[in-house]
Amino acid sequence: MDDLKEFCGYLLGVAFCLMAIALCAAAWVGLEDQFGWRLALGGVALSLLIRINFPLIVGLYLYASNVWGWGMPESITFALPGFLLFMPSIAVEVFGTLVSVAARR
């Protein structure tokens, strides 16, 4: 039974990684379409190296808006999961600063 739980955990981890790669690619296309490949590369590099996810959220919005031609409410809804994933990292940083305890990873 423990092996099955471990396998499901690995499978879920791979699924999350694939989803993150797909969202990163969509954000790349949105940023590249709006600002050019240099700023798109900078935004993706910021998110991967420094863990600042805001450029990816903007890229997802621009992807839905410019590439798919969706309106503002639909584009915001498409980018909302990335924003919700961005908020816990802000909360961890704020509480870590207030309590002055390093966050467990």
N, C-alpha and C. Protein backbone atom coordinates (compact mmCIF):
# COMPACT_ATOMS: atom_id res chain seq x y z
N MET A 1 0.82 -1.19 0.00
CA MET A 1 0.00 0.00 0.00
C MET A 1 0.87 1.26 0.00
N ASP A 2 1.98 1.21 0.72
CA ASP A 2 2.87 2.37 0.76
C ASP A 2 3.51 2.62 -0.60
N ASP A 3 3.78 1.54 -1.34
CA ASP A 3 4.37 1.71 -2.66
C ASP A 3 3.39 2.41 -3.61
N LEU A 4 2.11 2.08 -3.49
CA LEU A 4 1.11 2.72 -4.32
C LEU A 4 0.98 4.20 -3.99
N LYS A 5 1.02 4.56 -2.72
CA LYS A 5 0.97 5.97 -2.33
C LYS A 5 2.20 6.71 -2.84
N GLU A 6 3.34 6.08 -2.75
CA GLU A 6 4.57 6.71 -3.23
C GLU A 6 4.52 6.90 -4.74
N PHE A 7 4.02 5.89 -5.46
CA PHE A 7 3.90 5.99 -6.91
C PHE A 7 2.93 7.10 -7.30
N CYS A 8 1.80 7.20 -6.60
CA CYS A 8 0.84 8.26 -6.88
C CYS A 8 1.44 9.64 -6.60
N GLY A 9 2.25 9.73 -5.57
CA GLY A 9 2.93 10.98 -5.28
C GLY A 9 3.89 11.39 -6.38
N TYR A 10 4.66 10.42 -6.88
CA TYR A 10 5.56 10.70 -7.99
C TYR A 10 4.79 11.08 -9.25
N LEU A 11 3.70 10.38 -9.50
CA LEU A 11 2.88 10.67 -10.67
C LEU A 11 2.28 12.07 -10.58
N LEU A 12 1.82 12.45 -9.41
CA LEU A 12 1.28 13.79 -9.21
C LEU A 12 2.38 14.85 -9.38
N GLY A 13 3.57 14.56 -8.89
CA GLY A 13 4.70 15.48 -9.06
C GLY A 13 5.04 15.69 -10.52
N VAL A 14 5.05 14.62 -11.30
CA VAL A 14 5.33 14.73 -12.73
C VAL A 14 4.23 15.53 -13.43
N ALA A 15 2.97 15.31 -13.04
CA ALA A 15 1.86 16.05 -13.63
C ALA A 15 1.97 17.54 -13.34
N PHE A 16 2.34 17.90 -12.11
CA PHE A 16 2.52 19.32 -11.78
C PHE A 16 3.68 19.93 -12.57
N CYS A 17 4.76 19.18 -12.74
CA CYS A 17 5.89 19.69 -13.52
C CYS A 17 5.50 19.92 -14.97
N LEU A 18 4.77 18.98 -15.56
CA LEU A 18 4.32 19.15 -16.94
C LEU A 18 3.38 20.34 -17.08
N MET A 19 2.50 20.53 -16.09
CA MET A 19 1.60 21.69 -16.12
C MET A 19 2.39 22.99 -16.00
N ALA A 20 3.40 23.01 -15.15
CA ALA A 20 4.22 24.21 -15.00
C ALA A 20 4.97 24.52 -16.29
N ILE A 21 5.45 23.51 -16.98
CA ILE A 21 6.15 23.72 -18.24
C ILE A 21 5.18 24.27 -19.29
N ALA A 22 3.96 23.74 -19.34
CA ALA A 22 2.97 24.22 -20.30
C ALA A 22 2.58 25.67 -20.01
N LEU A 23 2.40 26.02 -18.74
CA LEU A 23 2.07 27.40 -18.40
C LEU A 23 3.23 28.34 -18.68
N CYS A 24 4.44 27.88 -18.44
CA CYS A 24 5.63 28.70 -18.73
C CYS A 24 5.74 28.95 -20.24
N ALA A 25 5.44 27.93 -21.04
CA ALA A 25 5.48 28.10 -22.50
C ALA A 25 4.41 29.07 -22.97
N ALA A 26 3.22 28.98 -22.40
CA ALA A 26 2.15 29.90 -22.77
C ALA A 26 2.51 31.33 -22.37
N ALA A 27 3.10 31.49 -21.20
CA ALA A 27 3.53 32.82 -20.76
C ALA A 27 4.62 33.36 -21.66
N TRP A 28 5.53 32.49 -22.10
CA TRP A 28 6.59 32.90 -23.03
C TRP A 28 5.98 33.45 -24.31
N VAL A 29 5.01 32.75 -24.88
CA VAL A 29 4.39 33.18 -26.12
C VAL A 29 3.67 34.52 -25.92
N GLY A 30 2.98 34.68 -24.81
CA GLY A 30 2.29 35.93 -24.55
C GLY A 30 3.24 37.10 -24.38
N LEU A 31 4.31 36.90 -23.62
CA LEU A 31 5.29 37.97 -23.43
C LEU A 31 6.03 38.28 -24.73
N GLU A 32 6.37 37.24 -25.48
CA GLU A 32 7.10 37.44 -26.73
C GLU A 32 6.24 38.15 -27.75
N ASP A 33 4.95 37.85 -27.79
CA ASP A 33 4.04 38.49 -28.72
C ASP A 33 3.89 39.98 -28.41
N GLN A 34 3.87 40.32 -27.13
CA GLN A 34 3.65 41.71 -26.74
C GLN A 34 4.95 42.53 -26.69
N PHE A 35 6.02 41.95 -26.13
CA PHE A 35 7.22 42.74 -25.85
C PHE A 35 8.46 42.32 -26.64
N GLY A 36 8.43 41.20 -27.32
CA GLY A 36 9.61 40.73 -28.03
C GLY A 36 10.31 39.63 -27.24
N TRP A 37 11.22 38.94 -27.93
CA TRP A 37 11.82 37.76 -27.32
C TRP A 37 12.80 38.09 -26.20
N ARG A 38 13.42 39.26 -26.23
CA ARG A 38 14.39 39.60 -25.19
C ARG A 38 13.72 39.78 -23.83
N LEU A 39 12.63 40.54 -23.80
CA LEU A 39 11.92 40.73 -22.54
C LEU A 39 11.21 39.45 -22.10
N ALA A 40 10.77 38.65 -23.06
CA ALA A 40 10.17 37.37 -22.72
C ALA A 40 11.20 36.47 -22.06
N LEU A 41 12.39 36.45 -22.59
CA LEU A 41 13.48 35.66 -21.99
C LEU A 41 13.80 36.18 -20.60
N GLY A 42 13.82 37.49 -20.43
CA GLY A 42 14.07 38.07 -19.11
C GLY A 42 12.98 37.73 -18.11
N GLY A 43 11.73 37.76 -18.54
CA GLY A 43 10.63 37.42 -17.64
C GLY A 43 10.65 35.96 -17.22
N VAL A 44 10.91 35.08 -18.16
CA VAL A 44 10.97 33.65 -17.82
C VAL A 44 12.19 33.37 -16.96
N ALA A 45 13.31 34.02 -17.26
CA ALA A 45 14.52 33.83 -16.44
C ALA A 45 14.29 34.32 -15.02
N LEU A 46 13.60 35.46 -14.86
CA LEU A 46 13.28 35.95 -13.52
C LEU A 46 12.46 34.93 -12.74
N SER A 47 11.48 34.35 -13.42
CA SER A 47 10.62 33.42 -12.72
C SER A 47 11.33 32.12 -12.37
N LEU A 48 12.22 31.67 -13.22
CA LEU A 48 12.92 30.41 -12.95
C LEU A 48 14.09 30.56 -11.99
N LEU A 49 14.84 31.64 -12.13
CA LEU A 49 16.06 31.79 -11.33
C LEU A 49 15.82 32.48 -10.00
N ILE A 50 14.98 33.51 -9.99
CA ILE A 50 14.81 34.31 -8.78
C ILE A 50 13.47 34.04 -8.12
N ARG A 51 12.62 33.22 -8.75
CA ARG A 51 11.32 32.84 -8.22
C ARG A 51 10.38 34.04 -8.08
N ILE A 52 10.42 34.94 -9.04
CA ILE A 52 9.45 36.03 -9.12
C ILE A 52 8.47 35.65 -10.21
N ASN A 53 7.25 35.29 -9.83
CA ASN A 53 6.29 34.73 -10.77
C ASN A 53 5.42 35.77 -11.47
N PHE A 54 5.56 37.03 -11.12
CA PHE A 54 4.69 38.05 -11.70
C PHE A 54 4.81 38.14 -13.22
N PRO A 55 6.01 38.05 -13.83
CA PRO A 55 6.07 38.09 -15.29
C PRO A 55 5.31 36.94 -15.95
N LEU A 56 5.28 35.78 -15.32
CA LEU A 56 4.54 34.68 -15.90
C LEU A 56 3.03 34.92 -15.85
N ILE A 57 2.57 35.54 -14.79
CA ILE A 57 1.14 35.85 -14.68
C ILE A 57 0.75 36.85 -15.77
N VAL A 58 1.57 37.86 -15.96
CA VAL A 58 1.32 38.84 -17.01
C VAL A 58 1.38 38.16 -18.38
N GLY A 59 2.35 37.26 -18.56
CA GLY A 59 2.46 36.54 -19.83
C GLY A 59 1.25 35.67 -20.11
N LEU A 60 0.71 35.02 -19.08
CA LEU A 60 -0.49 34.21 -19.27
C LEU A 60 -1.68 35.08 -19.66
N TYR A 61 -1.80 36.23 -19.03
CA TYR A 61 -2.88 37.15 -19.39
C TYR A 61 -2.72 37.61 -20.84
N LEU A 62 -1.51 38.00 -21.22
CA LEU A 62 -1.27 38.47 -22.58
C LEU A 62 -1.48 37.35 -23.60
N TYR A 63 -1.14 36.13 -23.23
CA TYR A 63 -1.35 35.00 -24.13
C TYR A 63 -2.84 34.82 -24.42
N ALA A 64 -3.64 34.82 -23.38
CA ALA A 64 -5.08 34.63 -23.58
C ALA A 64 -5.69 35.83 -24.30
N SER A 65 -5.20 37.01 -24.00
CA SER A 65 -5.77 38.23 -24.58
C SER A 65 -5.35 38.42 -26.04
N ASN A 66 -4.04 38.35 -26.30
CA ASN A 66 -3.54 38.68 -27.63
C ASN A 66 -3.56 37.49 -28.59
N VAL A 67 -3.15 36.32 -28.12
CA VAL A 67 -3.03 35.18 -29.03
C VAL A 67 -4.39 34.54 -29.27
N TRP A 68 -5.15 34.30 -28.21
CA TRP A 68 -6.45 33.67 -28.37
C TRP A 68 -7.56 34.67 -28.63
N GLY A 69 -7.31 35.96 -28.39
CA GLY A 69 -8.31 36.99 -28.64
C GLY A 69 -9.44 37.03 -27.62
N TRP A 70 -9.19 36.54 -26.43
CA TRP A 70 -10.22 36.56 -25.39
C TRP A 70 -10.36 37.95 -24.82
N GLY A 71 -11.50 38.22 -24.21
CA GLY A 71 -11.74 39.50 -23.55
C GLY A 71 -11.04 39.54 -22.20
N MET A 72 -11.15 40.69 -21.55
CA MET A 72 -10.45 40.87 -20.27
C MET A 72 -10.91 39.90 -19.19
N PRO A 73 -12.21 39.69 -18.96
CA PRO A 73 -12.61 38.76 -17.88
C PRO A 73 -12.11 37.33 -18.11
N GLU A 74 -12.19 36.86 -19.35
CA GLU A 74 -11.73 35.50 -19.64
C GLU A 74 -10.22 35.39 -19.48
N SER A 75 -9.48 36.42 -19.90
CA SER A 75 -8.03 36.41 -19.79
C SER A 75 -7.59 36.44 -18.33
N ILE A 76 -8.28 37.23 -17.53
CA ILE A 76 -7.95 37.26 -16.10
C ILE A 76 -8.25 35.92 -15.45
N THR A 77 -9.35 35.29 -15.86
CA THR A 77 -9.69 33.98 -15.32
C THR A 77 -8.64 32.95 -15.71
N PHE A 78 -8.09 33.05 -16.90
CA PHE A 78 -7.05 32.13 -17.34
C PHE A 78 -5.77 32.32 -16.53
N ALA A 79 -5.43 33.57 -16.20
CA ALA A 79 -4.20 33.85 -15.46
C ALA A 79 -4.38 33.72 -13.95
N LEU A 80 -5.61 33.60 -13.48
CA LEU A 80 -5.89 33.57 -12.04
C LEU A 80 -5.21 32.42 -11.30
N PRO A 81 -5.16 31.19 -11.83
CA PRO A 81 -4.45 30.14 -11.08
C PRO A 81 -2.98 30.47 -10.82
N GLY A 82 -2.32 31.11 -11.76
CA GLY A 82 -0.94 31.53 -11.53
C GLY A 82 -0.85 32.56 -10.43
N PHE A 83 -1.82 33.46 -10.36
CA PHE A 83 -1.84 34.47 -9.31
C PHE A 83 -2.10 33.83 -7.95
N LEU A 84 -2.98 32.84 -7.92
CA LEU A 84 -3.26 32.16 -6.66
C LEU A 84 -2.05 31.37 -6.18
N LEU A 85 -1.25 30.87 -7.11
CA LEU A 85 0.00 30.20 -6.72
C LEU A 85 1.05 31.21 -6.28
N PHE A 86 0.93 32.45 -6.75
CA PHE A 86 1.86 33.51 -6.40
C PHE A 86 1.60 34.02 -4.98
N MET A 87 0.34 34.03 -4.57
CA MET A 87 -0.03 34.58 -3.26
C MET A 87 0.56 33.80 -2.07
N PRO A 88 0.57 32.46 -2.06
CA PRO A 88 1.18 31.78 -0.92
C PRO A 88 2.66 32.11 -0.74
N SER A 89 3.37 32.32 -1.83
CA SER A 89 4.78 32.67 -1.69
C SER A 89 4.93 34.05 -1.04
N ILE A 90 4.01 34.96 -1.33
CA ILE A 90 4.04 36.28 -0.67
C ILE A 90 3.75 36.11 0.81
N ALA A 91 2.75 35.29 1.14
CA ALA A 91 2.40 35.08 2.54
C ALA A 91 3.56 34.44 3.31
N VAL A 92 4.25 33.49 2.72
CA VAL A 92 5.39 32.85 3.38
C VAL A 92 6.49 33.87 3.64
N GLU A 93 6.75 34.73 2.67
CA GLU A 93 7.79 35.76 2.85
C GLU A 93 7.40 36.76 3.93
N VAL A 94 6.15 37.19 3.94
CA VAL A 94 5.70 38.18 4.93
C VAL A 94 5.75 37.58 6.33
N PHE A 95 5.19 36.38 6.50
CA PHE A 95 5.19 35.76 7.82
C PHE A 95 6.60 35.38 8.26
N GLY A 96 7.43 34.96 7.31
CA GLY A 96 8.81 34.65 7.64
C GLY A 96 9.57 35.88 8.12
N THR A 97 9.28 37.03 7.51
CA THR A 97 9.92 38.27 7.93
C THR A 97 9.40 38.72 9.29
N LEU A 98 8.09 38.61 9.51
CA LEU A 98 7.52 39.02 10.77
C LEU A 98 8.00 38.14 11.93
N VAL A 99 8.05 36.87 11.70
CA VAL A 99 8.44 35.94 12.76
C VAL A 99 9.94 35.72 12.77
N SER A 100 10.59 36.10 11.69
CA SER A 100 12.03 35.94 11.48
C SER A 100 12.46 34.48 11.61
N VAL A 101 11.68 33.62 10.97
CA VAL A 101 11.99 32.20 10.89
C VAL A 101 12.03 31.84 9.43
N ALA A 102 13.04 31.08 9.05
CA ALA A 102 13.15 30.66 7.66
C ALA A 102 12.05 29.66 7.33
N ALA A 103 11.47 29.78 6.14
CA ALA A 103 10.40 28.87 5.73
C ALA A 103 10.97 27.49 5.43
N ARG A 104 10.23 26.48 5.82
CA ARG A 104 10.65 25.11 5.51
C ARG A 104 10.28 24.80 4.06
N ARG A 105 11.16 24.12 3.40
CA ARG A 105 10.91 23.76 1.99
C ARG A 105 10.94 22.28 1.86
